[in-house]
Amino acid sequence: FDGFPVTIYNLEGRERVIGYGNNVALELEALDKTNKWQTVTKVRRYTCGNGIYFFVLKPGEIATVFVPRLHGNFKTRFRYRLGNVVSNEFEGSIDEKYIGKN
């Protein structure tokens, strides 16, 4: 499995929900050929919430998740989004057909 860690750090003075079920709510975005950010992977949405637990980060806590490294013929820049917070940009490649399809 080819991937890399993404670390989430809660700098706020309150608890933050960062995921639920078995998913951390990270969405992957990539720049398309027109230099616009497009969604590659969206957060999984559940149709029923019974029995689903939330992942909560308290102030000053960190969480690290392992995400897959994508490969393809289109070299571009990526970033992760968690709600209205976005990560630093990083370079990678992807099959262009996956950009903006979600």
PDB file of N, CA and C in Angstrom:
ATOM      1  N   PHE A   1       0.854  -1.174   0.000  1.00  0.00           N
ATOM      2  CA  PHE A   1       0.000   0.000   0.000  1.00  0.00           C
ATOM      3  C   PHE A   1       0.894   1.229   0.000  1.00  0.00           C
ATOM      4  N   ASP A   2       0.819   2.046  -1.030  1.00  0.00           N
ATOM      5  CA  ASP A   2       1.628   3.245  -1.148  1.00  0.00           C
ATOM      6  C   ASP A   2       0.818   4.435  -0.642  1.00  0.00           C
ATOM      7  N   GLY A   3       1.326   5.119   0.359  1.00  0.00           N
ATOM      8  CA  GLY A   3       0.600   6.253   0.912  1.00  0.00           C
ATOM      9  C   GLY A   3       1.495   7.112   1.779  1.00  0.00           C
ATOM     10  N   PHE A   4       0.881   8.018   2.521  1.00  0.00           N
ATOM     11  CA  PHE A   4       1.631   8.904   3.396  1.00  0.00           C
ATOM     12  C   PHE A   4       0.729   9.381   4.538  1.00  0.00           C
ATOM     13  N   PRO A   5       1.336   9.804   5.654  1.00  0.00           N
ATOM     14  CA  PRO A   5       0.534  10.265   6.789  1.00  0.00           C
ATOM     15  C   PRO A   5       0.074  11.713   6.607  1.00  0.00           C
ATOM     16  N   VAL A   6      -1.126  12.000   7.081  1.00  0.00           N
ATOM     17  CA  VAL A   6      -1.647  13.358   7.171  1.00  0.00           C
ATOM     18  C   VAL A   6      -1.944  13.606   8.640  1.00  0.00           C
ATOM     19  N   THR A   7      -1.355  14.649   9.188  1.00  0.00           N
ATOM     20  CA  THR A   7      -1.539  14.969  10.608  1.00  0.00           C
ATOM     21  C   THR A   7      -2.487  16.147  10.753  1.00  0.00           C
ATOM     22  N   ILE A   8      -3.453  15.991  11.642  1.00  0.00           N
ATOM     23  CA  ILE A   8      -4.440  17.024  11.932  1.00  0.00           C
ATOM     24  C   ILE A   8      -4.182  17.504  13.353  1.00  0.00           C
ATOM     25  N   TYR A   9      -4.047  18.802  13.531  1.00  0.00           N
ATOM     26  CA  TYR A   9      -3.752  19.389  14.839  1.00  0.00           C
ATOM     27  C   TYR A   9      -4.832  20.406  15.176  1.00  0.00           C
ATOM     28  N   ASN A  10      -5.443  20.261  16.329  1.00  0.00           N
ATOM     29  CA  ASN A  10      -6.509  21.174  16.741  1.00  0.00           C
ATOM     30  C   ASN A  10      -5.913  22.373  17.468  1.00  0.00           C
ATOM     31  N   LEU A  11      -5.835  23.495  16.779  1.00  0.00           N
ATOM     32  CA  LEU A  11      -5.317  24.738  17.349  1.00  0.00           C
ATOM     33  C   LEU A  11      -6.399  25.581  18.015  1.00  0.00           C
ATOM     34  N   GLU A  12      -7.651  25.156  17.880  1.00  0.00           N
ATOM     35  CA  GLU A  12      -8.754  25.940  18.420  1.00  0.00           C
ATOM     36  C   GLU A  12      -8.919  25.697  19.920  1.00  0.00           C
ATOM     37  N   GLY A  13      -9.675  26.541  20.540  1.00  0.00           N
ATOM     38  CA  GLY A  13      -9.914  26.436  21.976  1.00  0.00           C
ATOM     39  C   GLY A  13     -11.117  25.579  22.322  1.00  0.00           C
ATOM     40  N   ARG A  14     -11.602  24.787  21.360  1.00  0.00           N
ATOM     41  CA  ARG A  14     -12.756  23.927  21.609  1.00  0.00           C
ATOM     42  C   ARG A  14     -12.582  22.601  20.871  1.00  0.00           C
ATOM     43  N   GLU A  15     -13.387  21.626  21.257  1.00  0.00           N
ATOM     44  CA  GLU A  15     -13.343  20.334  20.582  1.00  0.00           C
ATOM     45  C   GLU A  15     -13.823  20.462  19.144  1.00  0.00           C
ATOM     46  N   ARG A  16     -13.244  19.646  18.264  1.00  0.00           N
ATOM     47  CA  ARG A  16     -13.637  19.633  16.852  1.00  0.00           C
ATOM     48  C   ARG A  16     -13.947  18.195  16.434  1.00  0.00           C
ATOM     49  N   VAL A  17     -15.078  17.997  15.777  1.00  0.00           N
ATOM     50  CA  VAL A  17     -15.389  16.699  15.190  1.00  0.00           C
ATOM     51  C   VAL A  17     -14.618  16.607  13.877  1.00  0.00           C
ATOM     52  N   ILE A  18     -13.804  15.557  13.738  1.00  0.00           N
ATOM     53  CA  ILE A  18     -13.014  15.408  12.513  1.00  0.00           C
ATOM     54  C   ILE A  18     -13.451  14.218  11.676  1.00  0.00           C
ATOM     55  N   GLY A  19     -14.425  13.462  12.166  1.00  0.00           N
ATOM     56  CA  GLY A  19     -14.895  12.318  11.413  1.00  0.00           C
ATOM     57  C   GLY A  19     -15.975  11.566  12.158  1.00  0.00           C
ATOM     58  N   TYR A  20     -16.455  10.497  11.518  1.00  0.00           N
ATOM     59  CA  TYR A  20     -17.516   9.696  12.113  1.00  0.00           C
ATOM     60  C   TYR A  20     -17.507   8.332  11.452  1.00  0.00           C
ATOM     61  N   GLY A  21     -18.157   7.375  12.115  1.00  0.00           N
ATOM     62  CA  GLY A  21     -18.135   6.011  11.595  1.00  0.00           C
ATOM     63  C   GLY A  21     -16.710   5.509  11.589  1.00  0.00           C
ATOM     64  N   ASN A  22     -16.244   5.082  10.438  1.00  0.00           N
ATOM     65  CA  ASN A  22     -14.846   4.664  10.314  1.00  0.00           C
ATOM     66  C   ASN A  22     -14.075   5.576   9.366  1.00  0.00           C
ATOM     67  N   ASN A  23     -14.502   6.841   9.259  1.00  0.00           N
ATOM     68  CA  ASN A  23     -13.888   7.780   8.321  1.00  0.00           C
ATOM     69  C   ASN A  23     -13.506   9.092   8.986  1.00  0.00           C
ATOM     70  N   VAL A  24     -12.323   9.572   8.685  1.00  0.00           N
ATOM     71  CA  VAL A  24     -11.961  10.952   8.996  1.00  0.00           C
ATOM     72  C   VAL A  24     -12.419  11.769   7.802  1.00  0.00           C
ATOM     73  N   ALA A  25     -13.032  12.915   8.049  1.00  0.00           N
ATOM     74  CA  ALA A  25     -13.738  13.677   7.009  1.00  0.00           C
ATOM     75  C   ALA A  25     -12.817  14.496   6.102  1.00  0.00           C
ATOM     76  N   LEU A  26     -11.751  13.895   5.603  1.00  0.00           N
ATOM     77  CA  LEU A  26     -10.840  14.577   4.678  1.00  0.00           C
ATOM     78  C   LEU A  26     -11.332  14.431   3.248  1.00  0.00           C
ATOM     79  N   GLU A  27     -11.362  15.529   2.530  1.00  0.00           N
ATOM     80  CA  GLU A  27     -11.672  15.510   1.103  1.00  0.00           C
ATOM     81  C   GLU A  27     -10.416  15.903   0.342  1.00  0.00           C
ATOM     82  N   LEU A  28     -10.090  15.136  -0.684  1.00  0.00           N
ATOM     83  CA  LEU A  28      -8.931  15.434  -1.523  1.00  0.00           C
ATOM     84  C   LEU A  28      -9.366  16.312  -2.678  1.00  0.00           C
ATOM     85  N   GLU A  29      -8.597  17.379  -2.930  1.00  0.00           N
ATOM     86  CA  GLU A  29      -8.852  18.283  -4.053  1.00  0.00           C
ATOM     87  C   GLU A  29      -7.600  18.374  -4.922  1.00  0.00           C
ATOM     88  N   ALA A  30      -7.815  18.597  -6.215  1.00  0.00           N
ATOM     89  CA  ALA A  30      -6.705  18.719  -7.170  1.00  0.00           C
ATOM     90  C   ALA A  30      -6.969  19.886  -8.110  1.00  0.00           C
ATOM     91  N   LEU A  31      -5.887  20.500  -8.576  1.00  0.00           N
ATOM     92  CA  LEU A  31      -6.018  21.545  -9.593  1.00  0.00           C
ATOM     93  C   LEU A  31      -6.227  20.891 -10.953  1.00  0.00           C
ATOM     94  N   ASP A  32      -7.264  21.347 -11.676  1.00  0.00           N
ATOM     95  CA  ASP A  32      -7.493  20.824 -13.018  1.00  0.00           C
ATOM     96  C   ASP A  32      -6.674  21.622 -14.029  1.00  0.00           C
ATOM     97  N   LYS A  33      -6.859  21.347 -15.314  1.00  0.00           N
ATOM     98  CA  LYS A  33      -6.072  22.016 -16.356  1.00  0.00           C
ATOM     99  C   LYS A  33      -6.342  23.511 -16.446  1.00  0.00           C
ATOM    100  N   THR A  34      -7.492  23.970 -15.916  1.00  0.00           N
ATOM    101  CA  THR A  34      -7.812  25.402 -15.927  1.00  0.00           C
ATOM    102  C   THR A  34      -7.406  26.081 -14.617  1.00  0.00           C
ATOM    103  N   ASN A  35      -6.659  25.365 -13.779  1.00  0.00           N
ATOM    104  CA  ASN A  35      -6.148  25.883 -12.509  1.00  0.00           C
ATOM    105  C   ASN A  35      -7.255  26.143 -11.481  1.00  0.00           C
ATOM    106  N   LYS A  36      -8.323  25.345 -11.552  1.00  0.00           N
ATOM    107  CA  LYS A  36      -9.410  25.429 -10.580  1.00  0.00           C
ATOM    108  C   LYS A  36      -9.366  24.195  -9.690  1.00  0.00           C
ATOM    109  N   TRP A  37      -9.636  24.394  -8.391  1.00  0.00           N
ATOM    110  CA  TRP A  37      -9.668  23.271  -7.461  1.00  0.00           C
ATOM    111  C   TRP A  37     -10.921  22.439  -7.711  1.00  0.00           C
ATOM    112  N   GLN A  38     -10.724  21.125  -7.865  1.00  0.00           N
ATOM    113  CA  GLN A  38     -11.816  20.185  -8.087  1.00  0.00           C
ATOM    114  C   GLN A  38     -11.719  19.060  -7.062  1.00  0.00           C
ATOM    115  N   THR A  39     -12.858  18.555  -6.640  1.00  0.00           N
ATOM    116  CA  THR A  39     -12.888  17.457  -5.673  1.00  0.00           C
ATOM    117  C   THR A  39     -12.501  16.145  -6.348  1.00  0.00           C
ATOM    118  N   VAL A  40     -11.633  15.400  -5.691  1.00  0.00           N
ATOM    119  CA  VAL A  40     -11.251  14.066  -6.163  1.00  0.00           C
ATOM    120  C   VAL A  40     -11.970  13.014  -5.316  1.00  0.00           C
ATOM    121  N   THR A  41     -11.898  13.150  -4.007  1.00  0.00           N
ATOM    122  CA  THR A  41     -12.604  12.234  -3.100  1.00  0.00           C
ATOM    123  C   THR A  41     -13.415  13.054  -2.112  1.00  0.00           C
ATOM    124  N   LYS A  42     -14.664  12.662  -1.933  1.00  0.00           N
ATOM    125  CA  LYS A  42     -15.541  13.322  -0.970  1.00  0.00           C
ATOM    126  C   LYS A  42     -15.657  12.483   0.287  1.00  0.00           C
ATOM    127  N   VAL A  43     -16.174  13.106   1.318  1.00  0.00           N
ATOM    128  CA  VAL A  43     -16.413  12.413   2.569  1.00  0.00           C
ATOM    129  C   VAL A  43     -17.582  11.460   2.389  1.00  0.00           C
ATOM    130  N   ARG A  44     -17.451  10.279   2.953  1.00  0.00           N
ATOM    131  CA  ARG A  44     -18.552   9.320   2.892  1.00  0.00           C
ATOM    132  C   ARG A  44     -19.708   9.826   3.741  1.00  0.00           C
ATOM    133  N   ARG A  45     -20.904   9.795   3.183  1.00  0.00           N
ATOM    134  CA  ARG A  45     -22.113  10.218   3.892  1.00  0.00           C
ATOM    135  C   ARG A  45     -22.929   8.985   4.263  1.00  0.00           C
ATOM    136  N   TYR A  46     -23.390   8.953   5.493  1.00  0.00           N
ATOM    137  CA  TYR A  46     -24.225   7.863   5.952  1.00  0.00           C
ATOM    138  C   TYR A  46     -25.695   8.256   5.845  1.00  0.00           C
ATOM    139  N   THR A  47     -26.556   7.309   5.437  1.00  0.00           N
ATOM    140  CA  THR A  47     -27.983   7.598   5.348  1.00  0.00           C
ATOM    141  C   THR A  47     -28.679   7.406   6.689  1.00  0.00           C
ATOM    142  N   CYS A  48     -28.048   6.712   7.596  1.00  0.00           N
ATOM    143  CA  CYS A  48     -28.607   6.499   8.931  1.00  0.00           C
ATOM    144  C   CYS A  48     -27.503   6.745   9.947  1.00  0.00           C
ATOM    145  N   GLY A  49     -27.814   7.414  11.039  1.00  0.00           N
ATOM    146  CA  GLY A  49     -26.795   7.747  12.027  1.00  0.00           C
ATOM    147  C   GLY A  49     -26.821   6.905  13.280  1.00  0.00           C
ATOM    148  N   ASN A  50     -27.692   5.905  13.342  1.00  0.00           N
ATOM    149  CA  ASN A  50     -27.782   5.072  14.547  1.00  0.00           C
ATOM    150  C   ASN A  50     -26.495   4.306  14.776  1.00  0.00           C
ATOM    151  N   GLY A  51     -25.925   4.454  15.956  1.00  0.00           N
ATOM    152  CA  GLY A  51     -24.731   3.709  16.322  1.00  0.00           C
ATOM    153  C   GLY A  51     -23.429   4.247  15.773  1.00  0.00           C
ATOM    154  N   ILE A  52     -23.452   5.390  15.092  1.00  0.00           N
ATOM    155  CA  ILE A  52     -22.223   5.957  14.535  1.00  0.00           C
ATOM    156  C   ILE A  52     -21.540   6.814  15.600  1.00  0.00           C
ATOM    157  N   TYR A  53     -20.259   6.586  15.770  1.00  0.00           N
ATOM    158  CA  TYR A  53     -19.473   7.356  16.719  1.00  0.00           C
ATOM    159  C   TYR A  53     -18.735   8.467  15.993  1.00  0.00           C
ATOM    160  N   PHE A  54     -18.464   9.542  16.697  1.00  0.00           N
ATOM    161  CA  PHE A  54     -17.740  10.675  16.137  1.00  0.00           C
ATOM    162  C   PHE A  54     -16.293  10.645  16.601  1.00  0.00           C
ATOM    163  N   PHE A  55     -15.369  11.068  15.726  1.00  0.00           N
ATOM    164  CA  PHE A  55     -13.975  11.286  16.100  1.00  0.00           C
ATOM    165  C   PHE A  55     -13.852  12.740  16.519  1.00  0.00           C
ATOM    166  N   VAL A  56     -13.432  12.960  17.745  1.00  0.00           N
ATOM    167  CA  VAL A  56     -13.340  14.315  18.289  1.00  0.00           C
ATOM    168  C   VAL A  56     -11.900  14.596  18.687  1.00  0.00           C
ATOM    169  N   LEU A  57     -11.396  15.782  18.299  1.00  0.00           N
ATOM    170  CA  LEU A  57     -10.082  16.251  18.751  1.00  0.00           C
ATOM    171  C   LEU A  57     -10.300  17.348  19.775  1.00  0.00           C
ATOM    172  N   LYS A  58      -9.718  17.173  20.939  1.00  0.00           N
ATOM    173  CA  LYS A  58      -9.768  18.214  21.965  1.00  0.00           C
ATOM    174  C   LYS A  58      -8.713  19.267  21.635  1.00  0.00           C
ATOM    175  N   PRO A  59      -8.820  20.452  22.221  1.00  0.00           N
ATOM    176  CA  PRO A  59      -7.814  21.493  21.962  1.00  0.00           C
ATOM    177  C   PRO A  59      -6.395  20.984  22.244  1.00  0.00           C
ATOM    178  N   GLY A  60      -5.494  21.220  21.296  1.00  0.00           N
ATOM    179  CA  GLY A  60      -4.100  20.822  21.443  1.00  0.00           C
ATOM    180  C   GLY A  60      -3.816  19.375  21.055  1.00  0.00           C
ATOM    181  N   GLU A  61      -4.824  18.581  20.750  1.00  0.00           N
ATOM    182  CA  GLU A  61      -4.603  17.192  20.374  1.00  0.00           C
ATOM    183  C   GLU A  61      -4.297  17.075  18.879  1.00  0.00           C
ATOM    184  N   ILE A  62      -3.646  15.955  18.523  1.00  0.00           N
ATOM    185  CA  ILE A  62      -3.358  15.668  17.117  1.00  0.00           C
ATOM    186  C   ILE A  62      -3.912  14.294  16.758  1.00  0.00           C
ATOM    187  N   ALA A  63      -4.165  14.118  15.479  1.00  0.00           N
ATOM    188  CA  ALA A  63      -4.533  12.812  14.928  1.00  0.00           C
ATOM    189  C   ALA A  63      -3.763  12.655  13.628  1.00  0.00           C
ATOM    190  N   THR A  64      -3.311  11.452  13.371  1.00  0.00           N
ATOM    191  CA  THR A  64      -2.616  11.164  12.123  1.00  0.00           C
ATOM    192  C   THR A  64      -3.342  10.030  11.416  1.00  0.00           C
ATOM    193  N   VAL A  65      -3.640  10.248  10.142  1.00  0.00           N
ATOM    194  CA  VAL A  65      -4.285   9.220   9.319  1.00  0.00           C
ATOM    195  C   VAL A  65      -3.375   8.914   8.135  1.00  0.00           C
ATOM    196  N   PHE A  66      -3.497   7.715   7.632  1.00  0.00           N
ATOM    197  CA  PHE A  66      -2.700   7.287   6.487  1.00  0.00           C
ATOM    198  C   PHE A  66      -3.590   7.332   5.256  1.00  0.00           C
ATOM    199  N   VAL A  67      -3.164   8.051   4.226  1.00  0.00           N
ATOM    200  CA  VAL A  67      -3.960   8.207   3.007  1.00  0.00           C
ATOM    201  C   VAL A  67      -3.198   7.622   1.815  1.00  0.00           C
ATOM    202  N   PRO A  68      -3.924   7.122   0.813  1.00  0.00           N
ATOM    203  CA  PRO A  68      -3.246   6.536  -0.347  1.00  0.00           C
ATOM    204  C   PRO A  68      -2.593   7.594  -1.224  1.00  0.00           C
ATOM    205  N   ARG A  69      -1.472   7.219  -1.815  1.00  0.00           N
ATOM    206  CA  ARG A  69      -0.802   8.067  -2.804  1.00  0.00           C
ATOM    207  C   ARG A  69      -1.342   7.696  -4.182  1.00  0.00           C
ATOM    208  N   LEU A  70      -1.839   8.693  -4.889  1.00  0.00           N
ATOM    209  CA  LEU A  70      -2.403   8.447  -6.212  1.00  0.00           C
ATOM    210  C   LEU A  70      -1.319   8.521  -7.280  1.00  0.00           C
ATOM    211  N   HIS A  71      -1.565   7.848  -8.380  1.00  0.00           N
ATOM    212  CA  HIS A  71      -0.630   7.846  -9.509  1.00  0.00           C
ATOM    213  C   HIS A  71      -1.426   7.989 -10.798  1.00  0.00           C
ATOM    214  N   GLY A  72      -0.844   8.634 -11.782  1.00  0.00           N
ATOM    215  CA  GLY A  72      -1.511   8.760 -13.069  1.00  0.00           C
ATOM    216  C   GLY A  72      -0.699   9.577 -14.040  1.00  0.00           C
ATOM    217  N   ASN A  73      -1.336   9.914 -15.163  1.00  0.00           N
ATOM    218  CA  ASN A  73      -0.633  10.599 -16.250  1.00  0.00           C
ATOM    219  C   ASN A  73      -0.729  12.126 -16.172  1.00  0.00           C
ATOM    220  N   PHE A  74      -1.473  12.662 -15.198  1.00  0.00           N
ATOM    221  CA  PHE A  74      -1.663  14.104 -15.083  1.00  0.00           C
ATOM    222  C   PHE A  74      -0.974  14.609 -13.814  1.00  0.00           C
ATOM    223  N   LYS A  75       0.103  15.368 -13.980  1.00  0.00           N
ATOM    224  CA  LYS A  75       0.834  15.921 -12.844  1.00  0.00           C
ATOM    225  C   LYS A  75       0.160  17.221 -12.424  1.00  0.00           C
ATOM    226  N   THR A  76      -0.102  17.359 -11.123  1.00  0.00           N
ATOM    227  CA  THR A  76      -0.812  18.538 -10.628  1.00  0.00           C
ATOM    228  C   THR A  76      -0.496  18.778  -9.155  1.00  0.00           C
ATOM    229  N   ARG A  77      -1.212  19.725  -8.561  1.00  0.00           N
ATOM    230  CA  ARG A  77      -1.081  20.027  -7.139  1.00  0.00           C
ATOM    231  C   ARG A  77      -2.342  19.559  -6.436  1.00  0.00           C
ATOM    232  N   PHE A  78      -2.169  19.081  -5.215  1.00  0.00           N
ATOM    233  CA  PHE A  78      -3.265  18.570  -4.405  1.00  0.00           C
ATOM    234  C   PHE A  78      -3.314  19.320  -3.078  1.00  0.00           C
ATOM    235  N   ARG A  79      -4.454  19.168  -2.394  1.00  0.00           N
ATOM    236  CA  ARG A  79      -4.596  19.627  -1.012  1.00  0.00           C
ATOM    237  C   ARG A  79      -5.730  18.820  -0.391  1.00  0.00           C
ATOM    238  N   TYR A  80      -5.728  18.776   0.936  1.00  0.00           N
ATOM    239  CA  TYR A  80      -6.828  18.140   1.660  1.00  0.00           C
ATOM    240  C   TYR A  80      -7.679  19.211   2.304  1.00  0.00           C
ATOM    241  N   ARG A  81      -8.979  18.939   2.403  1.00  0.00           N
ATOM    242  CA  ARG A  81      -9.930  19.841   3.031  1.00  0.00           C
ATOM    243  C   ARG A  81     -10.622  19.097   4.169  1.00  0.00           C
ATOM    244  N   LEU A  82     -10.732  19.764   5.311  1.00  0.00           N
ATOM    245  CA  LEU A  82     -11.483  19.261   6.459  1.00  0.00           C
ATOM    246  C   LEU A  82     -12.428  20.384   6.862  1.00  0.00           C
ATOM    247  N   GLY A  83     -13.658  20.327   6.357  1.00  0.00           N
ATOM    248  CA  GLY A  83     -14.597  21.431   6.569  1.00  0.00           C
ATOM    249  C   GLY A  83     -14.121  22.653   5.805  1.00  0.00           C
ATOM    250  N   ASN A  84     -13.896  23.765   6.522  1.00  0.00           N
ATOM    251  CA  ASN A  84     -13.423  24.983   5.850  1.00  0.00           C
ATOM    252  C   ASN A  84     -11.917  25.187   6.011  1.00  0.00           C
ATOM    253  N   VAL A  85     -11.222  24.181   6.497  1.00  0.00           N
ATOM    254  CA  VAL A  85      -9.763  24.251   6.673  1.00  0.00           C
ATOM    255  C   VAL A  85      -9.101  23.452   5.555  1.00  0.00           C
ATOM    256  N   VAL A  86      -8.085  24.049   4.912  1.00  0.00           N
ATOM    257  CA  VAL A  86      -7.369  23.344   3.847  1.00  0.00           C
ATOM    258  C   VAL A  86      -5.902  23.161   4.227  1.00  0.00           C
ATOM    259  N   SER A  87      -5.333  22.090   3.738  1.00  0.00           N
ATOM    260  CA  SER A  87      -3.936  21.766   4.021  1.00  0.00           C
ATOM    261  C   SER A  87      -2.999  22.570   3.138  1.00  0.00           C
ATOM    262  N   ASN A  88      -1.731  22.398   3.381  1.00  0.00           N
ATOM    263  CA  ASN A  88      -0.721  22.896   2.452  1.00  0.00           C
ATOM    264  C   ASN A  88      -0.863  22.117   1.146  1.00  0.00           C
ATOM    265  N   GLU A  89      -0.484  22.733   0.053  1.00  0.00           N
ATOM    266  CA  GLU A  89      -0.521  22.070  -1.242  1.00  0.00           C
ATOM    267  C   GLU A  89       0.684  21.158  -1.397  1.00  0.00           C
ATOM    268  N   PHE A  90       0.520  20.102  -2.193  1.00  0.00           N
ATOM    269  CA  PHE A  90       1.627  19.196  -2.482  1.00  0.00           C
ATOM    270  C   PHE A  90       1.479  18.680  -3.904  1.00  0.00           C
ATOM    271  N   GLU A  91       2.595  18.238  -4.494  1.00  0.00           N
ATOM    272  CA  GLU A  91       2.603  17.763  -5.869  1.00  0.00           C
ATOM    273  C   GLU A  91       2.329  16.276  -5.937  1.00  0.00           C
ATOM    274  N   GLY A  92       1.739  15.871  -7.047  1.00  0.00           N
ATOM    275  CA  GLY A  92       1.488  14.463  -7.283  1.00  0.00           C
ATOM    276  C   GLY A  92       0.948  14.264  -8.676  1.00  0.00           C
ATOM    277  N   SER A  93       0.450  13.068  -8.937  1.00  0.00           N
ATOM    278  CA  SER A  93      -0.135  12.783 -10.241  1.00  0.00           C
ATOM    279  C   SER A  93      -1.380  11.920 -10.045  1.00  0.00           C
ATOM    280  N   ILE A  94      -2.249  11.975 -11.049  1.00  0.00           N
ATOM    281  CA  ILE A  94      -3.524  11.279 -10.989  1.00  0.00           C
ATOM    282  C   ILE A  94      -4.001  11.058 -12.421  1.00  0.00           C
ATOM    283  N   ASP A  95      -4.856  10.070 -12.619  1.00  0.00           N
ATOM    284  CA  ASP A  95      -5.545   9.957 -13.900  1.00  0.00           C
ATOM    285  C   ASP A  95      -6.548  11.093 -13.955  1.00  0.00           C
ATOM    286  N   GLU A  96      -6.473  11.900 -14.981  1.00  0.00           N
ATOM    287  CA  GLU A  96      -7.283  13.114 -15.084  1.00  0.00           C
ATOM    288  C   GLU A  96      -8.782  12.835 -15.013  1.00  0.00           C
ATOM    289  N   LYS A  97      -9.204  11.661 -15.404  1.00  0.00           N
ATOM    290  CA  LYS A  97     -10.636  11.324 -15.401  1.00  0.00           C
ATOM    291  C   LYS A  97     -11.251  11.343 -14.008  1.00  0.00           C
ATOM    292  N   TYR A  98     -10.427  11.283 -12.950  1.00  0.00           N
ATOM    293  CA  TYR A  98     -10.942  11.268 -11.579  1.00  0.00           C
ATOM    294  C   TYR A  98     -11.166  12.673 -11.010  1.00  0.00           C
ATOM    295  N   ILE A  99     -10.674  13.691 -11.667  1.00  0.00           N
ATOM    296  CA  ILE A  99     -10.800  15.056 -11.145  1.00  0.00           C
ATOM    297  C   ILE A  99     -12.197  15.577 -11.429  1.00  0.00           C
ATOM    298  N   GLY A 100     -12.899  15.992 -10.363  1.00  0.00           N
ATOM    299  CA  GLY A 100     -14.227  16.580 -10.489  1.00  0.00           C
ATOM    300  C   GLY A 100     -15.343  15.595 -10.758  1.00  0.00           C
ATOM    301  N   LYS A 101     -15.111  14.313 -10.602  1.00  0.00           N
ATOM    302  CA  LYS A 101     -16.141  13.303 -10.879  1.00  0.00           C
ATOM    303  C   LYS A 101     -17.019  13.005  -9.671  1.00  0.00           C
ATOM    304  N   ASN A 102     -16.652  13.472  -8.486  1.00  0.00           N
ATOM    305  CA  ASN A 102     -17.429  13.143  -7.272  1.00  0.00           C
ATOM    306  C   ASN A 102     -18.433  14.196  -6.915  1.00  0.00           C
TER     307      ASN A 102
END
